[in-house]
């Protein structure tokens, strides 16, 4: 009887933990926009089309295209706008007849996200060329070694 009580309590405890484990999925704030013209972020130019801006962390935003592929990682900074915005919108600056994405204003938020640039992936430096010696090289030959006796 005591064993059955312990088994029941253990099963109840395990069932209570399951919803917590399932709740580990993260939700992200996102903003969808249709951009009717080419625009720049940093040194890159993006074509017109449908984009999704996803806040993935403090100061970091992912830019996804219409095929849900991440095309860029953006570095942002929050700036207080004084009050919540009534609607979401993108703010562009014109530089030399080109549009540069400057800010993202999100609905019902009092902070505006300023685009500082694009986070570039760290790529390892190329490996130096490998030197190969010809097979008849005497660099490590035993005959040249001191103390070698044939």
Foldseek 3Di string as FASTA:
>chain_A
DVVVVVVVVVVVVVVVCVVVVVPPDDDWDKDKDFAQAWADFAPDIDGGGIWMWTDPDAQWIFIAGPVRDGDFIWGKDKDFQPFFDQAWDWDWDDDPNHTYTAWTHHGGDRIIIGTPGTDDDDDDDDDDDDDDDPPPDCPVPPVPDPPDDD
